[in-house]
Amino acid sequence: MRLLLLARHGQSLFNVDRVVNGDPQLDRGLSPLGIDEARKLHGQIAGISIDLCVVSEFPRAQQTARLALDGRDGIPFEVDPDLNDIRIGELEGRTLDEYRHWKQAHGDGDPFPGGESLGGAAHRYGAAYARVLGHDEGTILCVCHEIPVRYAINAAAGSTELDWPTHAIANATPYVFDAAGLERAVRRLASKS
């Protein structure tokens, strides 16, 4: 891999409802604004040759990628479940405020009830990005979710806190990594558990 274009999916219907979703089978896809955002991503990456697209299992990520690559035939798609959103267990379908309240009251090593910990998810994301690094394709588009994108950005920057300093991740906006930057992110994420 020479270049990674890493993007969060477009706005989802769950984003509009301010509801959390960590199960790909329950995903309701993109909102009308999310579809527009994915089409704008198409324009943002139009001048770059893409050799491979890697996505999570979530329909919102796959729909974003298809719209962003519309008209480009022959680009292989790879689904990597390790890029899925946080497995939030019993918080599935709860409000974003309930999720944030739980997160603030617990540490990164505490698993969500019936789900995984943020540290465990970081480790999982690191494994997925390591596989991306191992690809022979030169330029890869990866569409996944806010947390794995945020964690990769902050880990590559050397932050000791994966949620900061970059926190808000724009929908359907490419964040660019070269191989060295992604390697830094992988090393930092692999150290979490």
C-alpha atoms as a PDB file:
ATOM      1  CA  MET A   1       0.000   0.000   0.000  1.00  0.00           C
ATOM      2  CA  ARG A   2       1.225   3.436  -0.921  1.00  0.00           C
ATOM      3  CA  LEU A   3      -1.777   5.631  -0.087  1.00  0.00           C
ATOM      4  CA  LEU A   4      -4.903   5.123   2.040  1.00  0.00           C
ATOM      5  CA  LEU A   5      -7.980   7.310   1.702  1.00  0.00           C
ATOM      6  CA  LEU A   6      -9.861   6.654   4.938  1.00  0.00           C
ATOM      7  CA  ALA A   7     -13.438   7.880   5.235  1.00  0.00           C
ATOM      8  CA  ARG A   8     -16.378   7.648   7.573  1.00  0.00           C
ATOM      9  CA  HIS A   9     -19.668   6.683   5.918  1.00  0.00           C
ATOM     10  CA  GLY A  10     -22.195   9.354   4.951  1.00  0.00           C
ATOM     11  CA  GLN A  11     -24.832  10.416   7.457  1.00  0.00           C
ATOM     12  CA  SER A  12     -26.959   7.415   8.383  1.00  0.00           C
ATOM     13  CA  LEU A  13     -30.617   7.207   9.312  1.00  0.00           C
ATOM     14  CA  PHE A  14     -29.438   6.240  12.813  1.00  0.00           C
ATOM     15  CA  ASN A  15     -27.317   9.436  12.931  1.00  0.00           C
ATOM     16  CA  VAL A  16     -30.443  11.470  12.144  1.00  0.00           C
ATOM     17  CA  ASP A  17     -32.366   9.715  14.941  1.00  0.00           C
ATOM     18  CA  ARG A  18     -29.368  10.077  17.342  1.00  0.00           C
ATOM     19  CA  VAL A  19     -29.477   6.334  18.003  1.00  0.00           C
ATOM     20  CA  VAL A  20     -26.417   4.066  18.329  1.00  0.00           C
ATOM     21  CA  ASN A  21     -25.989   0.976  16.175  1.00  0.00           C
ATOM     22  CA  GLY A  22     -23.218  -1.592  16.505  1.00  0.00           C
ATOM     23  CA  ASP A  23     -24.872  -4.515  14.685  1.00  0.00           C
ATOM     24  CA  PRO A  24     -24.507  -4.486  10.887  1.00  0.00           C
ATOM     25  CA  GLN A  25     -27.670  -6.554  10.447  1.00  0.00           C
ATOM     26  CA  LEU A  26     -29.733  -3.766  12.032  1.00  0.00           C
ATOM     27  CA  ASP A  27     -28.219  -0.946   9.949  1.00  0.00           C
ATOM     28  CA  ARG A  28     -30.838   1.123   8.103  1.00  0.00           C
ATOM     29  CA  GLY A  29     -28.454   2.732   5.591  1.00  0.00           C
ATOM     30  CA  LEU A  30     -27.838   6.314   4.592  1.00  0.00           C
ATOM     31  CA  SER A  31     -30.113   9.299   5.020  1.00  0.00           C
ATOM     32  CA  PRO A  32     -30.854  11.507   1.983  1.00  0.00           C
ATOM     33  CA  LEU A  33     -28.099  13.861   3.222  1.00  0.00           C
ATOM     34  CA  GLY A  34     -25.772  10.866   3.606  1.00  0.00           C
ATOM     35  CA  ILE A  35     -26.388   9.924  -0.022  1.00  0.00           C
ATOM     36  CA  ASP A  36     -25.483  13.487  -1.044  1.00  0.00           C
ATOM     37  CA  GLU A  37     -22.356  13.352   1.127  1.00  0.00           C
ATOM     38  CA  ALA A  38     -21.273  10.086  -0.513  1.00  0.00           C
ATOM     39  CA  ARG A  39     -21.761  11.672  -3.926  1.00  0.00           C
ATOM     40  CA  LYS A  40     -19.579  14.607  -2.820  1.00  0.00           C
ATOM     41  CA  LEU A  41     -16.918  12.091  -1.747  1.00  0.00           C
ATOM     42  CA  HIS A  42     -17.092  10.841  -5.344  1.00  0.00           C
ATOM     43  CA  GLY A  43     -15.980  14.298  -6.488  1.00  0.00           C
ATOM     44  CA  GLN A  44     -13.330  14.636  -3.795  1.00  0.00           C
ATOM     45  CA  ILE A  45     -11.558  11.473  -4.933  1.00  0.00           C
ATOM     46  CA  ALA A  46     -12.316  11.728  -8.667  1.00  0.00           C
ATOM     47  CA  GLY A  47      -8.715  12.690  -9.508  1.00  0.00           C
ATOM     48  CA  ILE A  48      -7.174   9.715  -7.724  1.00  0.00           C
ATOM     49  CA  SER A  49      -6.848   6.214  -9.149  1.00  0.00           C
ATOM     50  CA  ILE A  50      -8.253   3.695  -6.672  1.00  0.00           C
ATOM     51  CA  ASP A  51      -6.931   0.137  -6.801  1.00  0.00           C
ATOM     52  CA  LEU A  52      -8.985  -1.446  -3.990  1.00  0.00           C
ATOM     53  CA  CYS A  53     -11.896  -0.538  -1.741  1.00  0.00           C
ATOM     54  CA  VAL A  54     -12.095  -1.952   1.793  1.00  0.00           C
ATOM     55  CA  VAL A  55     -15.321  -1.569   3.776  1.00  0.00           C
ATOM     56  CA  SER A  56     -16.929  -2.734   6.993  1.00  0.00           C
ATOM     57  CA  GLU A  57     -19.901  -5.105   7.021  1.00  0.00           C
ATOM     58  CA  PHE A  58     -22.333  -2.220   7.590  1.00  0.00           C
ATOM     59  CA  PRO A  59     -24.611  -1.300   4.670  1.00  0.00           C
ATOM     60  CA  ARG A  60     -24.073   2.432   5.362  1.00  0.00           C
ATOM     61  CA  ALA A  61     -20.329   2.042   4.739  1.00  0.00           C
ATOM     62  CA  GLN A  62     -20.827  -0.109   1.645  1.00  0.00           C
ATOM     63  CA  GLN A  63     -23.457   2.252   0.220  1.00  0.00           C
ATOM     64  CA  THR A  64     -21.121   5.215   0.744  1.00  0.00           C
ATOM     65  CA  ALA A  65     -18.273   3.403  -1.018  1.00  0.00           C
ATOM     66  CA  ARG A  66     -20.436   2.386  -3.985  1.00  0.00           C
ATOM     67  CA  LEU A  67     -21.650   5.973  -4.457  1.00  0.00           C
ATOM     68  CA  ALA A  68     -18.127   7.362  -4.052  1.00  0.00           C
ATOM     69  CA  LEU A  69     -16.821   4.990  -6.728  1.00  0.00           C
ATOM     70  CA  ASP A  70     -19.829   5.250  -9.030  1.00  0.00           C
ATOM     71  CA  GLY A  71     -18.769   4.885 -12.655  1.00  0.00           C
ATOM     72  CA  ARG A  72     -15.461   3.196 -11.857  1.00  0.00           C
ATOM     73  CA  ASP A  73     -15.726  -0.386 -12.987  1.00  0.00           C
ATOM     74  CA  GLY A  74     -13.391  -3.147 -11.968  1.00  0.00           C
ATOM     75  CA  ILE A  75     -12.333  -1.852  -8.537  1.00  0.00           C
ATOM     76  CA  PRO A  76     -12.358  -4.856  -6.215  1.00  0.00           C
ATOM     77  CA  PHE A  77     -14.229  -4.581  -2.912  1.00  0.00           C
ATOM     78  CA  GLU A  78     -13.126  -6.305   0.268  1.00  0.00           C
ATOM     79  CA  VAL A  79     -15.287  -6.536   3.387  1.00  0.00           C
ATOM     80  CA  ASP A  80     -13.349  -6.572   6.662  1.00  0.00           C
ATOM     81  CA  PRO A  81     -15.492  -7.211   9.773  1.00  0.00           C
ATOM     82  CA  ASP A  82     -12.676  -5.847  11.969  1.00  0.00           C
ATOM     83  CA  LEU A  83     -13.563  -2.378  10.618  1.00  0.00           C
ATOM     84  CA  ASN A  84     -17.111  -2.655  11.987  1.00  0.00           C
ATOM     85  CA  ASP A  85     -18.403  -0.084  14.430  1.00  0.00           C
ATOM     86  CA  ILE A  86     -18.073  -0.665  18.189  1.00  0.00           C
ATOM     87  CA  ARG A  87     -19.974  -3.716  19.402  1.00  0.00           C
ATOM     88  CA  ILE A  88     -22.189  -2.012  21.960  1.00  0.00           C
ATOM     89  CA  GLY A  89     -24.236  -5.011  23.126  1.00  0.00           C
ATOM     90  CA  GLU A  90     -27.167  -3.985  25.319  1.00  0.00           C
ATOM     91  CA  LEU A  91     -26.840  -0.331  24.283  1.00  0.00           C
ATOM     92  CA  GLU A  92     -27.935  -1.271  20.739  1.00  0.00           C
ATOM     93  CA  GLY A  93     -30.757   1.045  19.668  1.00  0.00           C
ATOM     94  CA  ARG A  94     -30.304   3.388  22.633  1.00  0.00           C
ATOM     95  CA  THR A  95     -29.868   7.122  22.284  1.00  0.00           C
ATOM     96  CA  LEU A  96     -26.521   8.735  21.582  1.00  0.00           C
ATOM     97  CA  ASP A  97     -26.809  10.513  24.952  1.00  0.00           C
ATOM     98  CA  GLU A  98     -27.199   7.169  26.777  1.00  0.00           C
ATOM     99  CA  TYR A  99     -24.150   5.822  24.955  1.00  0.00           C
ATOM    100  CA  ARG A 100     -22.074   8.903  25.845  1.00  0.00           C
ATOM    101  CA  HIS A 101     -23.192   8.757  29.475  1.00  0.00           C
ATOM    102  CA  TRP A 102     -22.114   5.107  29.732  1.00  0.00           C
ATOM    103  CA  LYS A 103     -18.803   5.850  27.988  1.00  0.00           C
ATOM    104  CA  GLN A 104     -17.997   8.766  30.329  1.00  0.00           C
ATOM    105  CA  ALA A 105     -18.687   6.617  33.390  1.00  0.00           C
ATOM    106  CA  HIS A 106     -16.343   3.803  32.295  1.00  0.00           C
ATOM    107  CA  GLY A 107     -12.764   3.299  31.137  1.00  0.00           C
ATOM    108  CA  ASP A 108     -11.516   2.115  27.743  1.00  0.00           C
ATOM    109  CA  GLY A 109     -10.960  -1.365  29.185  1.00  0.00           C
ATOM    110  CA  ASP A 110     -14.556  -1.774  30.368  1.00  0.00           C
ATOM    111  CA  PRO A 111     -16.692  -3.671  27.858  1.00  0.00           C
ATOM    112  CA  PHE A 112     -20.100  -2.315  26.972  1.00  0.00           C
ATOM    113  CA  PRO A 113     -22.736  -4.575  28.602  1.00  0.00           C
ATOM    114  CA  GLY A 114     -22.860  -7.589  26.282  1.00  0.00           C
ATOM    115  CA  GLY A 115     -20.370  -5.900  23.917  1.00  0.00           C
ATOM    116  CA  GLU A 116     -16.681  -5.086  23.641  1.00  0.00           C
ATOM    117  CA  SER A 117     -14.402  -2.516  25.243  1.00  0.00           C
ATOM    118  CA  LEU A 118     -13.107   0.525  23.394  1.00  0.00           C
ATOM    119  CA  GLY A 119      -9.578  -0.771  23.952  1.00  0.00           C
ATOM    120  CA  GLY A 120     -10.539  -4.117  22.439  1.00  0.00           C
ATOM    121  CA  ALA A 121     -12.061  -2.331  19.453  1.00  0.00           C
ATOM    122  CA  ALA A 122      -8.866  -0.283  19.026  1.00  0.00           C
ATOM    123  CA  HIS A 123      -6.858  -3.496  18.921  1.00  0.00           C
ATOM    124  CA  ARG A 124      -9.298  -4.905  16.328  1.00  0.00           C
ATOM    125  CA  TYR A 125      -8.961  -1.753  14.194  1.00  0.00           C
ATOM    126  CA  GLY A 126      -5.190  -2.010  14.382  1.00  0.00           C
ATOM    127  CA  ALA A 127      -5.363  -5.565  13.019  1.00  0.00           C
ATOM    128  CA  ALA A 128      -7.595  -4.411  10.141  1.00  0.00           C
ATOM    129  CA  TYR A 129      -5.264  -1.534   9.246  1.00  0.00           C
ATOM    130  CA  ALA A 130      -2.284  -3.910   9.378  1.00  0.00           C
ATOM    131  CA  ARG A 131      -4.013  -6.040   6.744  1.00  0.00           C
ATOM    132  CA  VAL A 132      -4.607  -2.908   4.635  1.00  0.00           C
ATOM    133  CA  LEU A 133      -0.879  -2.156   4.853  1.00  0.00           C
ATOM    134  CA  GLY A 134      -0.127  -5.654   3.586  1.00  0.00           C
ATOM    135  CA  HIS A 135      -2.030  -5.207   0.330  1.00  0.00           C
ATOM    136  CA  ASP A 136      -0.119  -4.958  -2.937  1.00  0.00           C
ATOM    137  CA  GLU A 137      -2.587  -2.391  -4.313  1.00  0.00           C
ATOM    138  CA  GLY A 138      -1.098   1.099  -4.321  1.00  0.00           C
ATOM    139  CA  THR A 139      -4.095   3.293  -3.474  1.00  0.00           C
ATOM    140  CA  ILE A 140      -6.880   2.025  -1.245  1.00  0.00           C
ATOM    141  CA  LEU A 141     -10.182   3.624  -0.329  1.00  0.00           C
ATOM    142  CA  CYS A 142     -11.426   2.455   3.060  1.00  0.00           C
ATOM    143  CA  VAL A 143     -14.938   3.373   4.227  1.00  0.00           C
ATOM    144  CA  CYS A 144     -15.882   2.515   7.775  1.00  0.00           C
ATOM    145  CA  HIS A 145     -17.031   4.414  10.882  1.00  0.00           C
ATOM    146  CA  GLU A 146     -16.276   7.433  13.020  1.00  0.00           C
ATOM    147  CA  ILE A 147     -14.392   5.677  15.813  1.00  0.00           C
ATOM    148  CA  PRO A 148     -11.943   3.654  13.682  1.00  0.00           C
ATOM    149  CA  VAL A 149     -11.217   6.766  11.609  1.00  0.00           C
ATOM    150  CA  ARG A 150     -10.733   8.926  14.725  1.00  0.00           C
ATOM    151  CA  TYR A 151      -8.513   6.328  16.352  1.00  0.00           C
ATOM    152  CA  ALA A 152      -6.330   6.001  13.235  1.00  0.00           C
ATOM    153  CA  ILE A 153      -5.877   9.771  12.928  1.00  0.00           C
ATOM    154  CA  ASN A 154      -4.964  10.276  16.582  1.00  0.00           C
ATOM    155  CA  ALA A 155      -2.776   7.166  16.737  1.00  0.00           C
ATOM    156  CA  ALA A 156      -0.835   8.238  13.629  1.00  0.00           C
ATOM    157  CA  ALA A 157      -0.322  11.655  15.210  1.00  0.00           C
ATOM    158  CA  GLY A 158       1.161  10.014  18.312  1.00  0.00           C
ATOM    159  CA  SER A 159      -1.608  11.038  20.703  1.00  0.00           C
ATOM    160  CA  THR A 160      -1.719   9.166  23.993  1.00  0.00           C
ATOM    161  CA  GLU A 161      -5.524   9.493  23.940  1.00  0.00           C
ATOM    162  CA  LEU A 162      -7.210   7.881  20.921  1.00  0.00           C
ATOM    163  CA  ASP A 163     -10.300  10.086  21.226  1.00  0.00           C
ATOM    164  CA  TRP A 164      -8.269  13.331  21.083  1.00  0.00           C
ATOM    165  CA  PRO A 165      -7.158  15.813  19.822  1.00  0.00           C
ATOM    166  CA  THR A 166      -9.174  15.036  16.675  1.00  0.00           C
ATOM    167  CA  HIS A 167     -12.628  14.045  17.831  1.00  0.00           C
ATOM    168  CA  ALA A 168     -15.357  15.074  15.377  1.00  0.00           C
ATOM    169  CA  ILE A 169     -14.966  13.127  12.137  1.00  0.00           C
ATOM    170  CA  ALA A 170     -16.760  14.553   9.124  1.00  0.00           C
ATOM    171  CA  ASN A 171     -18.992  12.238   7.141  1.00  0.00           C
ATOM    172  CA  ALA A 172     -17.756  11.026   3.752  1.00  0.00           C
ATOM    173  CA  THR A 173     -14.533  13.043   3.895  1.00  0.00           C
ATOM    174  CA  PRO A 174     -11.222  11.423   2.941  1.00  0.00           C
ATOM    175  CA  TYR A 175      -8.402  11.443   5.474  1.00  0.00           C
ATOM    176  CA  VAL A 176      -5.110  10.629   3.757  1.00  0.00           C
ATOM    177  CA  PHE A 177      -2.448   8.266   5.116  1.00  0.00           C
ATOM    178  CA  ASP A 178       0.781   7.179   3.535  1.00  0.00           C
ATOM    179  CA  ALA A 179       2.270   3.827   4.541  1.00  0.00           C
ATOM    180  CA  ALA A 180       4.443   5.331   7.295  1.00  0.00           C
ATOM    181  CA  GLY A 181       1.481   7.145   8.853  1.00  0.00           C
ATOM    182  CA  LEU A 182      -0.672   4.039   8.820  1.00  0.00           C
ATOM    183  CA  GLU A 183       2.197   2.004  10.307  1.00  0.00           C
ATOM    184  CA  ARG A 184       2.345   4.484  13.224  1.00  0.00           C
ATOM    185  CA  ALA A 185      -1.395   4.090  13.723  1.00  0.00           C
ATOM    186  CA  VAL A 186      -1.167   0.291  13.633  1.00  0.00           C
ATOM    187  CA  ARG A 187       1.601   0.218  16.267  1.00  0.00           C
ATOM    188  CA  ARG A 188      -0.347   2.507  18.608  1.00  0.00           C
ATOM    189  CA  LEU A 189      -3.646   0.660  18.145  1.00  0.00           C
ATOM    190  CA  ALA A 190      -1.980  -2.723  18.644  1.00  0.00           C
ATOM    191  CA  SER A 191      -0.807  -1.578  22.076  1.00  0.00           C
ATOM    192  CA  LYS A 192      -4.427  -1.176  23.256  1.00  0.00           C
ATOM    193  CA  SER A 193      -6.425  -4.070  24.695  1.00  0.00           C
END
